[in-house]
Amino acid sequence: MTVDTLVLATQSQGKIAELTALLAPIQCIPQIQLAISEVAETGLSFIENALIKARHASRHSTYAALSDDSGLVIEALGGRPGIYSARFAGAKASDAANMQKVLQLMQGIGAGARQAYFYCAMALVRYPEDPTPILACGRLDGVILDAPRGEQGFGYDPIFFLPDYDKTLAELGSQEKNLISHRAQALKSLLASRLRIVKNETNDHPC
């Protein structure tokens, strides 16, 4: 399968910037440039929502489509915010509002129980009803701080601390983040799966 142009099935400027950098030199067209509206994320998992968004973007364009559905999973909150990460504080909530809600819920939780991870599921469809979409996932483990740190990134990055780096994701430069992030891991896996398909090898469901 050869893909030279992809529609990115997201409205998030942060995701668009990261994916465009990670996918170069493939031409990436954000769906908003094609007047493609957002679709309701009615799936019960990251991968279901990724597929819904990818098929929607492909259906309303003439291109293959790539979707990323990702979120923050916090053990002490029973896995929340999870698939609701982008709208944790409400349907149109800002990154700051979502982050503040997490910090409020985490008040009083000790340092030894603040483990969390970012999870990313990706889906690539060549056409809307593609029966064999390419699926991939990635995960990045960390700890939730009690206050934001750093000015880079987006979403929950300022409160997601990486012990091995002694920094939050928002304190890492974009190049460094793009080497280790859950999104980078998922994309690396997706591109490897794409190569296996080109060679007619099995594409097992990775997520």
N, C-alpha and C. Protein backbone atom coordinates (compact mmCIF):
# COMPACT_ATOMS: atom_id res chain seq x y z
N MET A 1 0.85 -1.20 0.00
CA MET A 1 0.00 0.00 0.00
C MET A 1 0.88 1.24 0.00
N THR A 2 0.65 2.14 -0.93
CA THR A 2 1.40 3.39 -1.00
C THR A 2 0.46 4.53 -0.66
N VAL A 3 0.84 5.34 0.31
CA VAL A 3 0.04 6.49 0.71
C VAL A 3 0.94 7.72 0.65
N ASP A 4 0.61 8.66 -0.23
CA ASP A 4 1.38 9.89 -0.35
C ASP A 4 0.69 11.06 0.34
N THR A 5 -0.63 10.95 0.50
CA THR A 5 -1.42 12.02 1.11
C THR A 5 -2.39 11.41 2.10
N LEU A 6 -2.49 12.03 3.26
CA LEU A 6 -3.40 11.56 4.30
C LEU A 6 -4.25 12.71 4.82
N VAL A 7 -5.52 12.43 5.06
CA VAL A 7 -6.34 13.35 5.82
C VAL A 7 -6.15 13.02 7.30
N LEU A 8 -5.86 14.03 8.10
CA LEU A 8 -5.73 13.84 9.54
C LEU A 8 -7.09 14.10 10.17
N ALA A 9 -7.67 13.06 10.73
CA ALA A 9 -9.04 13.14 11.26
C ALA A 9 -9.03 13.67 12.69
N THR A 10 -8.64 14.92 12.82
CA THR A 10 -8.62 15.56 14.13
C THR A 10 -8.77 17.07 13.95
N GLN A 11 -9.33 17.72 14.95
CA GLN A 11 -9.42 19.17 14.97
C GLN A 11 -8.35 19.77 15.87
N SER A 12 -7.65 18.92 16.62
CA SER A 12 -6.67 19.38 17.61
C SER A 12 -5.42 19.90 16.92
N GLN A 13 -5.11 21.17 17.14
CA GLN A 13 -3.92 21.76 16.53
C GLN A 13 -2.65 21.12 17.07
N GLY A 14 -2.68 20.72 18.33
CA GLY A 14 -1.52 20.04 18.90
C GLY A 14 -1.25 18.71 18.23
N LYS A 15 -2.29 17.92 18.03
CA LYS A 15 -2.13 16.63 17.35
C LYS A 15 -1.71 16.82 15.89
N ILE A 16 -2.30 17.81 15.23
CA ILE A 16 -1.96 18.07 13.83
C ILE A 16 -0.47 18.38 13.70
N ALA A 17 0.04 19.23 14.59
CA ALA A 17 1.46 19.60 14.53
C ALA A 17 2.35 18.38 14.76
N GLU A 18 2.00 17.57 15.77
CA GLU A 18 2.82 16.40 16.07
C GLU A 18 2.79 15.38 14.94
N LEU A 19 1.59 15.08 14.45
CA LEU A 19 1.47 14.07 13.40
C LEU A 19 2.13 14.52 12.10
N THR A 20 1.98 15.79 11.76
CA THR A 20 2.61 16.30 10.54
C THR A 20 4.12 16.16 10.61
N ALA A 21 4.69 16.46 11.79
CA ALA A 21 6.14 16.32 11.96
C ALA A 21 6.56 14.86 11.91
N LEU A 22 5.79 14.00 12.55
CA LEU A 22 6.15 12.58 12.62
C LEU A 22 6.00 11.88 11.27
N LEU A 23 5.05 12.34 10.45
CA LEU A 23 4.75 11.66 9.18
C LEU A 23 5.54 12.19 7.98
N ALA A 24 6.26 13.27 8.14
CA ALA A 24 7.02 13.84 7.02
C ALA A 24 7.89 12.75 6.37
N PRO A 25 7.91 12.69 5.02
CA PRO A 25 7.44 13.68 4.02
C PRO A 25 6.04 13.41 3.48
N ILE A 26 5.25 12.53 4.09
CA ILE A 26 3.88 12.32 3.63
C ILE A 26 3.09 13.62 3.79
N GLN A 27 2.34 14.00 2.77
CA GLN A 27 1.52 15.20 2.85
C GLN A 27 0.33 14.95 3.75
N CYS A 28 0.17 15.80 4.76
CA CYS A 28 -0.94 15.65 5.71
C CYS A 28 -1.90 16.83 5.57
N ILE A 29 -3.17 16.53 5.39
CA ILE A 29 -4.19 17.56 5.24
C ILE A 29 -5.14 17.47 6.43
N PRO A 30 -5.14 18.46 7.31
CA PRO A 30 -6.10 18.46 8.41
C PRO A 30 -7.52 18.48 7.86
N GLN A 31 -8.42 17.72 8.46
CA GLN A 31 -9.77 17.61 7.92
C GLN A 31 -10.50 18.95 7.87
N ILE A 32 -10.12 19.87 8.74
CA ILE A 32 -10.79 21.17 8.74
C ILE A 32 -10.54 21.92 7.43
N GLN A 33 -9.40 21.66 6.78
CA GLN A 33 -9.11 22.31 5.49
C GLN A 33 -10.04 21.81 4.39
N LEU A 34 -10.64 20.65 4.59
CA LEU A 34 -11.58 20.09 3.62
C LEU A 34 -13.03 20.28 4.07
N ALA A 35 -13.21 21.12 5.09
CA ALA A 35 -14.54 21.40 5.64
C ALA A 35 -15.22 20.13 6.15
N ILE A 36 -14.43 19.22 6.67
CA ILE A 36 -14.98 17.99 7.26
C ILE A 36 -15.24 18.25 8.74
N SER A 37 -16.47 18.06 9.16
CA SER A 37 -16.84 18.33 10.54
C SER A 37 -16.38 17.20 11.46
N GLU A 38 -16.42 17.48 12.75
CA GLU A 38 -16.13 16.45 13.73
C GLU A 38 -17.28 15.44 13.75
N VAL A 39 -16.98 14.22 14.15
CA VAL A 39 -17.99 13.18 14.26
C VAL A 39 -18.11 12.78 15.73
N ALA A 40 -19.29 12.39 16.15
CA ALA A 40 -19.48 11.98 17.54
C ALA A 40 -18.64 10.74 17.84
N GLU A 41 -17.91 10.80 18.95
CA GLU A 41 -17.07 9.67 19.36
C GLU A 41 -17.92 8.76 20.25
N THR A 42 -18.62 7.84 19.61
CA THR A 42 -19.57 6.98 20.32
C THR A 42 -18.99 5.62 20.70
N GLY A 43 -17.72 5.40 20.39
CA GLY A 43 -17.09 4.13 20.73
C GLY A 43 -16.87 3.99 22.22
N LEU A 44 -16.63 2.76 22.65
CA LEU A 44 -16.39 2.48 24.06
C LEU A 44 -14.92 2.24 24.36
N SER A 45 -14.07 2.46 23.36
CA SER A 45 -12.63 2.28 23.54
C SER A 45 -11.90 3.26 22.64
N PHE A 46 -10.61 3.44 22.91
CA PHE A 46 -9.81 4.33 22.07
C PHE A 46 -9.81 3.86 20.62
N ILE A 47 -9.64 2.56 20.40
CA ILE A 47 -9.52 2.06 19.03
C ILE A 47 -10.85 2.19 18.29
N GLU A 48 -11.98 1.99 18.97
CA GLU A 48 -13.28 2.16 18.32
C GLU A 48 -13.47 3.61 17.88
N ASN A 49 -13.10 4.55 18.74
CA ASN A 49 -13.24 5.96 18.38
C ASN A 49 -12.29 6.36 17.26
N ALA A 50 -11.08 5.80 17.27
CA ALA A 50 -10.13 6.09 16.19
C ALA A 50 -10.69 5.64 14.85
N LEU A 51 -11.30 4.47 14.82
CA LEU A 51 -11.88 3.96 13.57
C LEU A 51 -13.06 4.81 13.12
N ILE A 52 -13.91 5.21 14.04
CA ILE A 52 -15.05 6.05 13.70
C ILE A 52 -14.58 7.34 13.03
N LYS A 53 -13.57 7.96 13.59
CA LYS A 53 -13.08 9.23 13.06
C LYS A 53 -12.37 9.06 11.72
N ALA A 54 -11.58 8.00 11.59
CA ALA A 54 -10.87 7.78 10.33
C ALA A 54 -11.85 7.50 9.18
N ARG A 55 -12.83 6.65 9.43
CA ARG A 55 -13.82 6.33 8.37
C ARG A 55 -14.62 7.57 7.99
N HIS A 56 -14.97 8.39 8.96
CA HIS A 56 -15.72 9.61 8.70
C HIS A 56 -14.92 10.56 7.80
N ALA A 57 -13.64 10.75 8.12
CA ALA A 57 -12.81 11.66 7.33
C ALA A 57 -12.60 11.14 5.91
N SER A 58 -12.40 9.84 5.78
CA SER A 58 -12.22 9.25 4.45
C SER A 58 -13.50 9.34 3.63
N ARG A 59 -14.63 9.16 4.29
CA ARG A 59 -15.93 9.20 3.60
C ARG A 59 -16.19 10.58 3.00
N HIS A 60 -15.67 11.62 3.63
CA HIS A 60 -15.92 12.98 3.17
C HIS A 60 -14.74 13.58 2.42
N SER A 61 -13.86 12.72 1.93
CA SER A 61 -12.73 13.19 1.13
C SER A 61 -12.40 12.13 0.09
N THR A 62 -11.37 12.38 -0.67
CA THR A 62 -10.93 11.39 -1.67
C THR A 62 -9.62 10.74 -1.25
N TYR A 63 -9.30 10.84 0.03
CA TYR A 63 -8.00 10.37 0.50
C TYR A 63 -8.12 9.27 1.55
N ALA A 64 -7.01 8.61 1.76
CA ALA A 64 -6.88 7.75 2.94
C ALA A 64 -6.91 8.67 4.17
N ALA A 65 -7.30 8.11 5.31
CA ALA A 65 -7.42 8.94 6.51
C ALA A 65 -6.76 8.27 7.70
N LEU A 66 -6.13 9.10 8.51
CA LEU A 66 -5.48 8.64 9.74
C LEU A 66 -6.13 9.32 10.93
N SER A 67 -6.48 8.54 11.91
CA SER A 67 -7.05 9.10 13.13
C SER A 67 -6.27 8.62 14.34
N ASP A 68 -6.18 9.50 15.29
CA ASP A 68 -5.52 9.21 16.57
C ASP A 68 -6.54 9.49 17.66
N ASP A 69 -6.85 8.49 18.46
CA ASP A 69 -7.67 8.73 19.64
C ASP A 69 -6.81 8.39 20.85
N SER A 70 -6.64 9.37 21.70
CA SER A 70 -5.72 9.18 22.81
C SER A 70 -6.26 9.81 24.06
N GLY A 71 -5.65 9.48 25.17
CA GLY A 71 -6.10 10.04 26.42
C GLY A 71 -5.22 9.67 27.59
N LEU A 72 -5.55 10.24 28.72
CA LEU A 72 -4.82 10.03 29.96
C LEU A 72 -5.58 9.03 30.83
N VAL A 73 -4.88 8.03 31.31
CA VAL A 73 -5.47 7.00 32.16
C VAL A 73 -4.79 7.05 33.52
N ILE A 74 -5.58 7.34 34.56
CA ILE A 74 -5.03 7.49 35.91
C ILE A 74 -5.57 6.38 36.80
N GLU A 75 -4.68 5.58 37.34
CA GLU A 75 -5.08 4.42 38.12
C GLU A 75 -5.92 4.81 39.33
N ALA A 76 -5.52 5.87 40.04
CA ALA A 76 -6.22 6.28 41.26
C ALA A 76 -7.63 6.79 40.98
N LEU A 77 -7.92 7.14 39.73
CA LEU A 77 -9.25 7.62 39.35
C LEU A 77 -10.03 6.55 38.59
N GLY A 78 -9.63 5.31 38.76
CA GLY A 78 -10.34 4.21 38.11
C GLY A 78 -10.22 4.21 36.60
N GLY A 79 -9.13 4.75 36.08
CA GLY A 79 -8.92 4.80 34.64
C GLY A 79 -9.37 6.09 33.99
N ARG A 80 -10.02 6.95 34.74
CA ARG A 80 -10.42 8.25 34.18
C ARG A 80 -9.19 9.15 34.01
N PRO A 81 -9.29 10.15 33.12
CA PRO A 81 -10.40 10.49 32.23
C PRO A 81 -10.56 9.57 31.01
N GLY A 82 -9.53 8.79 30.66
CA GLY A 82 -9.68 7.78 29.61
C GLY A 82 -10.15 8.34 28.29
N ILE A 83 -11.15 7.67 27.70
CA ILE A 83 -11.64 8.10 26.38
C ILE A 83 -12.35 9.45 26.43
N TYR A 84 -12.59 9.95 27.64
CA TYR A 84 -13.25 11.26 27.78
C TYR A 84 -12.24 12.37 28.07
N SER A 85 -10.96 12.12 27.86
CA SER A 85 -9.91 13.07 28.23
C SER A 85 -10.11 14.45 27.63
N ALA A 86 -10.50 14.52 26.36
CA ALA A 86 -10.63 15.82 25.69
C ALA A 86 -11.84 16.61 26.16
N ARG A 87 -12.78 15.95 26.80
CA ARG A 87 -14.00 16.62 27.26
C ARG A 87 -14.31 16.28 28.72
N PHE A 88 -13.26 16.08 29.50
CA PHE A 88 -13.42 15.64 30.89
C PHE A 88 -14.18 16.67 31.72
N ALA A 89 -13.94 17.95 31.47
CA ALA A 89 -14.61 19.00 32.24
C ALA A 89 -15.82 19.56 31.50
N GLY A 90 -16.22 18.93 30.40
CA GLY A 90 -17.37 19.39 29.63
C GLY A 90 -17.10 19.29 28.14
N ALA A 91 -18.17 19.34 27.35
CA ALA A 91 -18.06 19.10 25.91
C ALA A 91 -17.10 20.05 25.21
N LYS A 92 -17.07 21.30 25.62
CA LYS A 92 -16.21 22.29 24.97
C LYS A 92 -15.13 22.79 25.93
N ALA A 93 -14.76 21.97 26.88
CA ALA A 93 -13.80 22.39 27.90
C ALA A 93 -12.42 22.64 27.30
N SER A 94 -11.72 23.60 27.87
CA SER A 94 -10.36 23.91 27.44
C SER A 94 -9.38 22.92 28.07
N ASP A 95 -8.16 22.90 27.53
CA ASP A 95 -7.13 22.07 28.14
C ASP A 95 -6.94 22.43 29.61
N ALA A 96 -6.95 23.73 29.89
CA ALA A 96 -6.74 24.18 31.27
C ALA A 96 -7.85 23.69 32.19
N ALA A 97 -9.09 23.71 31.70
CA ALA A 97 -10.22 23.24 32.52
C ALA A 97 -10.14 21.75 32.77
N ASN A 98 -9.80 20.99 31.75
CA ASN A 98 -9.66 19.54 31.92
C ASN A 98 -8.55 19.21 32.92
N MET A 99 -7.44 19.92 32.80
CA MET A 99 -6.31 19.69 33.69
C MET A 99 -6.67 20.05 35.12
N GLN A 100 -7.39 21.15 35.30
CA GLN A 100 -7.79 21.58 36.63
C GLN A 100 -8.72 20.56 37.29
N LYS A 101 -9.60 19.96 36.51
CA LYS A 101 -10.49 18.94 37.07
C LYS A 101 -9.70 17.74 37.56
N VAL A 102 -8.70 17.32 36.79
CA VAL A 102 -7.85 16.21 37.23
C VAL A 102 -7.14 16.57 38.52
N LEU A 103 -6.58 17.77 38.59
CA LEU A 103 -5.85 18.18 39.79
C LEU A 103 -6.77 18.21 41.01
N GLN A 104 -8.00 18.65 40.83
CA GLN A 104 -8.95 18.67 41.95
C GLN A 104 -9.26 17.26 42.43
N LEU A 105 -9.47 16.34 41.49
CA LEU A 105 -9.79 14.96 41.87
C LEU A 105 -8.60 14.25 42.50
N MET A 106 -7.39 14.70 42.18
CA MET A 106 -6.19 14.07 42.71
C MET A 106 -5.73 14.65 44.04
N GLN A 107 -6.41 15.67 44.52
CA GLN A 107 -6.04 16.26 45.80
C GLN A 107 -6.12 15.22 46.91
N GLY A 108 -5.08 15.16 47.72
CA GLY A 108 -5.07 14.22 48.84
C GLY A 108 -4.54 12.84 48.49
N ILE A 109 -4.27 12.60 47.24
CA ILE A 109 -3.72 11.30 46.82
C ILE A 109 -2.20 11.37 46.91
N GLY A 110 -1.61 10.45 47.66
CA GLY A 110 -0.19 10.48 47.94
C GLY A 110 0.68 10.22 46.73
N ALA A 111 1.97 10.55 46.89
CA ALA A 111 2.93 10.43 45.78
C ALA A 111 3.05 9.01 45.27
N GLY A 112 2.85 8.03 46.13
CA GLY A 112 3.00 6.64 45.71
C GLY A 112 1.81 6.09 44.95
N ALA A 113 0.75 6.88 44.81
CA ALA A 113 -0.46 6.40 44.14
C ALA A 113 -0.89 7.31 43.00
N ARG A 114 0.07 8.00 42.40
CA ARG A 114 -0.25 8.96 41.35
C ARG A 114 0.20 8.49 39.96
N GLN A 115 0.36 7.17 39.82
CA GLN A 115 0.78 6.63 38.53
C GLN A 115 -0.30 6.84 37.46
N ALA A 116 0.16 7.05 36.24
CA ALA A 116 -0.76 7.27 35.12
C ALA A 116 -0.04 6.91 33.83
N TYR A 117 -0.81 6.84 32.77
CA TYR A 117 -0.18 6.66 31.46
C TYR A 117 -1.03 7.32 30.37
N PHE A 118 -0.33 7.79 29.35
CA PHE A 118 -0.99 8.26 28.14
C PHE A 118 -1.12 7.07 27.20
N TYR A 119 -2.28 6.94 26.58
CA TYR A 119 -2.53 5.84 25.64
C TYR A 119 -2.97 6.44 24.31
N CYS A 120 -2.47 5.89 23.24
CA CYS A 120 -2.84 6.35 21.90
C CYS A 120 -3.21 5.16 21.03
N ALA A 121 -4.36 5.24 20.39
CA ALA A 121 -4.77 4.25 19.39
C ALA A 121 -4.87 4.96 18.06
N MET A 122 -4.31 4.35 17.02
CA MET A 122 -4.35 4.93 15.68
C MET A 122 -5.04 3.99 14.71
N ALA A 123 -5.73 4.58 13.76
CA ALA A 123 -6.38 3.81 12.70
C ALA A 123 -6.11 4.49 11.36
N LEU A 124 -5.68 3.70 10.40
CA LEU A 124 -5.46 4.18 9.03
C LEU A 124 -6.37 3.41 8.10
N VAL A 125 -7.25 4.13 7.39
CA VAL A 125 -8.13 3.49 6.41
C VAL A 125 -7.81 4.04 5.03
N ARG A 126 -7.81 3.16 4.03
CA ARG A 126 -7.52 3.57 2.66
C ARG A 126 -8.75 4.13 1.98
N TYR A 127 -9.92 3.70 2.44
CA TYR A 127 -11.21 4.20 1.94
C TYR A 127 -12.23 3.94 3.04
N PRO A 128 -13.41 4.56 2.98
CA PRO A 128 -14.32 4.55 4.13
C PRO A 128 -14.64 3.19 4.72
N GLU A 129 -14.94 2.21 3.87
CA GLU A 129 -15.34 0.90 4.38
C GLU A 129 -14.19 -0.11 4.30
N ASP A 130 -12.98 0.36 4.34
CA ASP A 130 -11.80 -0.50 4.31
C ASP A 130 -11.96 -1.65 5.31
N PRO A 131 -12.00 -2.91 4.84
CA PRO A 131 -12.23 -4.04 5.75
C PRO A 131 -10.99 -4.42 6.55
N THR A 132 -9.84 -3.90 6.15
CA THR A 132 -8.60 -4.24 6.86
C THR A 132 -7.83 -2.96 7.22
N PRO A 133 -8.42 -2.14 8.09
CA PRO A 133 -7.71 -0.93 8.51
C PRO A 133 -6.43 -1.31 9.25
N ILE A 134 -5.45 -0.43 9.18
CA ILE A 134 -4.21 -0.65 9.93
C ILE A 134 -4.38 0.00 11.30
N LEU A 135 -4.20 -0.79 12.34
CA LEU A 135 -4.41 -0.33 13.71
C LEU A 135 -3.10 -0.41 14.48
N ALA A 136 -2.90 0.53 15.38
CA ALA A 136 -1.69 0.53 16.19
C ALA A 136 -1.95 1.27 17.49
N CYS A 137 -1.12 1.01 18.48
CA CYS A 137 -1.29 1.69 19.76
C CYS A 137 0.07 1.97 20.40
N GLY A 138 0.07 2.92 21.31
CA GLY A 138 1.28 3.28 22.03
C GLY A 138 0.94 3.72 23.44
N ARG A 139 1.90 3.60 24.33
CA ARG A 139 1.67 3.93 25.74
C ARG A 139 2.91 4.59 26.32
N LEU A 140 2.69 5.61 27.16
CA LEU A 140 3.78 6.29 27.85
C LEU A 140 3.41 6.41 29.32
N ASP A 141 4.24 5.84 30.19
CA ASP A 141 3.96 5.84 31.63
C ASP A 141 4.57 7.06 32.31
N GLY A 142 3.89 7.52 33.35
CA GLY A 142 4.39 8.66 34.11
C GLY A 142 3.66 8.80 35.43
N VAL A 143 3.75 10.00 35.99
CA VAL A 143 3.17 10.31 37.30
C VAL A 143 2.47 11.67 37.20
N ILE A 144 1.33 11.79 37.88
CA ILE A 144 0.60 13.06 37.88
C ILE A 144 1.12 13.97 38.99
N LEU A 145 1.55 15.18 38.61
CA LEU A 145 2.00 16.16 39.59
C LEU A 145 0.81 16.85 40.25
N ASP A 146 1.10 17.67 41.26
CA ASP A 146 0.01 18.41 41.92
C ASP A 146 -0.11 19.84 41.41
N ALA A 147 0.73 20.21 40.43
CA ALA A 147 0.66 21.54 39.81
C ALA A 147 1.33 21.48 38.44
N PRO A 148 0.89 22.30 37.50
CA PRO A 148 1.47 22.27 36.15
C PRO A 148 2.92 22.77 36.13
N ARG A 149 3.69 22.22 35.18
CA ARG A 149 5.06 22.66 34.94
C ARG A 149 5.35 22.62 33.45
N GLY A 150 5.90 23.69 32.91
CA GLY A 150 6.30 23.70 31.51
C GLY A 150 5.32 24.40 30.60
N GLU A 151 5.83 24.85 29.46
CA GLU A 151 5.04 25.64 28.52
C GLU A 151 4.85 24.96 27.17
N GLN A 152 5.48 23.80 26.95
CA GLN A 152 5.39 23.13 25.66
C GLN A 152 4.18 22.19 25.64
N GLY A 153 3.95 21.57 24.48
CA GLY A 153 2.92 20.54 24.37
C GLY A 153 1.51 21.09 24.48
N PHE A 154 0.59 20.22 24.88
CA PHE A 154 -0.82 20.58 24.98
C PHE A 154 -1.51 19.57 25.87
N GLY A 155 -2.81 19.77 26.09
CA GLY A 155 -3.57 18.82 26.90
C GLY A 155 -3.06 18.74 28.33
N TYR A 156 -2.82 17.52 28.78
CA TYR A 156 -2.39 17.27 30.15
C TYR A 156 -0.87 17.25 30.30
N ASP A 157 -0.15 17.62 29.26
CA ASP A 157 1.32 17.54 29.29
C ASP A 157 1.95 18.23 30.51
N PRO A 158 1.45 19.41 30.95
CA PRO A 158 2.12 20.09 32.06
C PRO A 158 2.03 19.38 33.41
N ILE A 159 1.12 18.42 33.57
CA ILE A 159 1.03 17.72 34.86
C ILE A 159 1.48 16.27 34.75
N PHE A 160 1.98 15.88 33.58
CA PHE A 160 2.41 14.49 33.37
C PHE A 160 3.93 14.43 33.48
N PHE A 161 4.40 13.89 34.59
CA PHE A 161 5.83 13.88 34.93
C PHE A 161 6.48 12.56 34.52
N LEU A 162 7.66 12.68 33.92
CA LEU A 162 8.44 11.52 33.48
C LEU A 162 9.65 11.37 34.39
N PRO A 163 9.62 10.42 35.33
CA PRO A 163 10.74 10.27 36.28
C PRO A 163 12.09 10.08 35.61
N ASP A 164 12.14 9.33 34.51
CA ASP A 164 13.42 9.07 33.84
C ASP A 164 14.04 10.34 33.26
N TYR A 165 13.22 11.35 33.01
CA TYR A 165 13.72 12.59 32.43
C TYR A 165 13.73 13.74 33.44
N ASP A 166 13.10 13.52 34.59
CA ASP A 166 12.95 14.55 35.61
C ASP A 166 12.29 15.80 35.04
N LYS A 167 11.35 15.58 34.12
CA LYS A 167 10.62 16.67 33.48
C LYS A 167 9.19 16.23 33.21
N THR A 168 8.32 17.22 33.03
CA THR A 168 6.99 16.92 32.50
C THR A 168 7.09 16.90 30.98
N LEU A 169 6.04 16.36 30.34
CA LEU A 169 6.02 16.40 28.87
C LEU A 169 6.05 17.83 28.35
N ALA A 170 5.50 18.76 29.13
CA ALA A 170 5.47 20.15 28.71
C ALA A 170 6.82 20.84 28.87
N GLU A 171 7.76 20.17 29.56
CA GLU A 171 9.11 20.72 29.70
C GLU A 171 10.07 20.14 28.67
N LEU A 172 9.63 19.12 27.94
CA LEU A 172 10.45 18.55 26.88
C LEU A 172 10.30 19.38 25.61
N GLY A 173 11.33 19.47 24.81
CA GLY A 173 11.21 20.08 23.50
C GLY A 173 10.41 19.16 22.59
N SER A 174 9.87 19.72 21.51
CA SER A 174 9.02 18.92 20.62
C SER A 174 9.78 17.76 20.00
N GLN A 175 11.06 17.97 19.66
CA GLN A 175 11.83 16.89 19.06
C GLN A 175 12.01 15.73 20.03
N GLU A 176 12.30 16.06 21.29
CA GLU A 176 12.49 15.01 22.30
C GLU A 176 11.18 14.29 22.57
N LYS A 177 10.10 15.05 22.68
CA LYS A 177 8.79 14.45 22.92
C LYS A 177 8.41 13.51 21.78
N ASN A 178 8.70 13.91 20.56
CA ASN A 178 8.31 13.11 19.40
C ASN A 178 9.10 11.82 19.27
N LEU A 179 10.11 11.65 20.10
CA LEU A 179 10.85 10.39 20.12
C LEU A 179 10.26 9.38 21.08
N ILE A 180 9.57 9.87 22.12
CA ILE A 180 9.15 8.97 23.20
C ILE A 180 7.64 8.92 23.43
N SER A 181 6.90 9.84 22.86
CA SER A 181 5.48 9.95 23.20
C SER A 181 4.67 8.73 22.80
N HIS A 182 3.53 8.58 23.43
CA HIS A 182 2.58 7.52 23.09
C HIS A 182 2.16 7.61 21.63
N ARG A 183 2.05 8.83 21.12
CA ARG A 183 1.66 9.03 19.72
C ARG A 183 2.78 8.58 18.78
N ALA A 184 4.02 8.89 19.14
CA ALA A 184 5.16 8.45 18.33
C ALA A 184 5.28 6.94 18.33
N GLN A 185 5.05 6.32 19.48
CA GLN A 185 5.11 4.86 19.56
C GLN A 185 4.03 4.21 18.70
N ALA A 186 2.82 4.77 18.76
CA ALA A 186 1.73 4.21 17.96
C ALA A 186 2.02 4.36 16.47
N LEU A 187 2.54 5.50 16.08
CA LEU A 187 2.82 5.73 14.66
C LEU A 187 3.93 4.80 14.17
N LYS A 188 4.94 4.60 15.00
CA LYS A 188 6.02 3.67 14.62
C LYS A 188 5.46 2.27 14.40
N SER A 189 4.57 1.85 15.29
CA SER A 189 3.94 0.54 15.15
C SER A 189 3.06 0.47 13.91
N LEU A 190 2.33 1.56 13.64
CA LEU A 190 1.45 1.59 12.47
C LEU A 190 2.25 1.49 11.18
N LEU A 191 3.35 2.22 11.10
CA LEU A 191 4.17 2.18 9.89
C LEU A 191 4.80 0.81 9.70
N ALA A 192 5.16 0.14 10.80
CA ALA A 192 5.70 -1.22 10.70
C ALA A 192 4.62 -2.17 10.21
N SER A 193 3.39 -1.99 10.68
CA SER A 193 2.27 -2.83 10.22
C SER A 193 2.00 -2.60 8.74
N ARG A 194 2.12 -1.36 8.31
CA ARG A 194 1.93 -1.03 6.89
C ARG A 194 2.93 -1.78 6.03
N LEU A 195 4.17 -1.85 6.48
CA LEU A 195 5.20 -2.58 5.72
C LEU A 195 4.89 -4.06 5.65
N ARG A 196 4.35 -4.62 6.75
CA ARG A 196 4.00 -6.04 6.74
C ARG A 196 2.89 -6.31 5.74
N ILE A 197 1.96 -5.37 5.61
CA ILE A 197 0.86 -5.55 4.65
C ILE A 197 1.39 -5.50 3.22
N VAL A 198 2.31 -4.57 2.97
CA VAL A 198 2.91 -4.48 1.63
C VAL A 198 3.58 -5.80 1.26
N LYS A 199 4.16 -6.47 2.26
CA LYS A 199 4.85 -7.74 2.03
C LYS A 199 3.90 -8.94 2.14
N ASN A 200 2.58 -8.64 2.27
CA ASN A 200 1.55 -9.68 2.38
C ASN A 200 1.73 -10.55 3.63
N GLU A 201 2.26 -9.95 4.69
CA GLU A 201 2.38 -10.65 5.95
C GLU A 201 1.15 -10.36 6.81
N THR A 202 0.99 -11.12 7.87
CA THR A 202 -0.18 -10.98 8.73
C THR A 202 -0.17 -9.65 9.46
N ASN A 203 -1.34 -9.02 9.54
CA ASN A 203 -1.49 -7.79 10.31
C ASN A 203 -2.35 -8.08 11.52
N ASP A 204 -1.74 -8.60 12.58
CA ASP A 204 -2.48 -8.92 13.79
C ASP A 204 -2.95 -7.64 14.47
N HIS A 205 -4.11 -7.71 15.13
CA HIS A 205 -4.65 -6.57 15.87
C HIS A 205 -3.72 -6.30 17.05
N PRO A 206 -3.06 -5.11 17.10
CA PRO A 206 -2.06 -4.86 18.12
C PRO A 206 -2.59 -4.26 19.41
N CYS A 207 -3.84 -3.81 19.42
CA CYS A 207 -4.33 -3.03 20.56
C CYS A 207 -5.31 -3.83 21.41
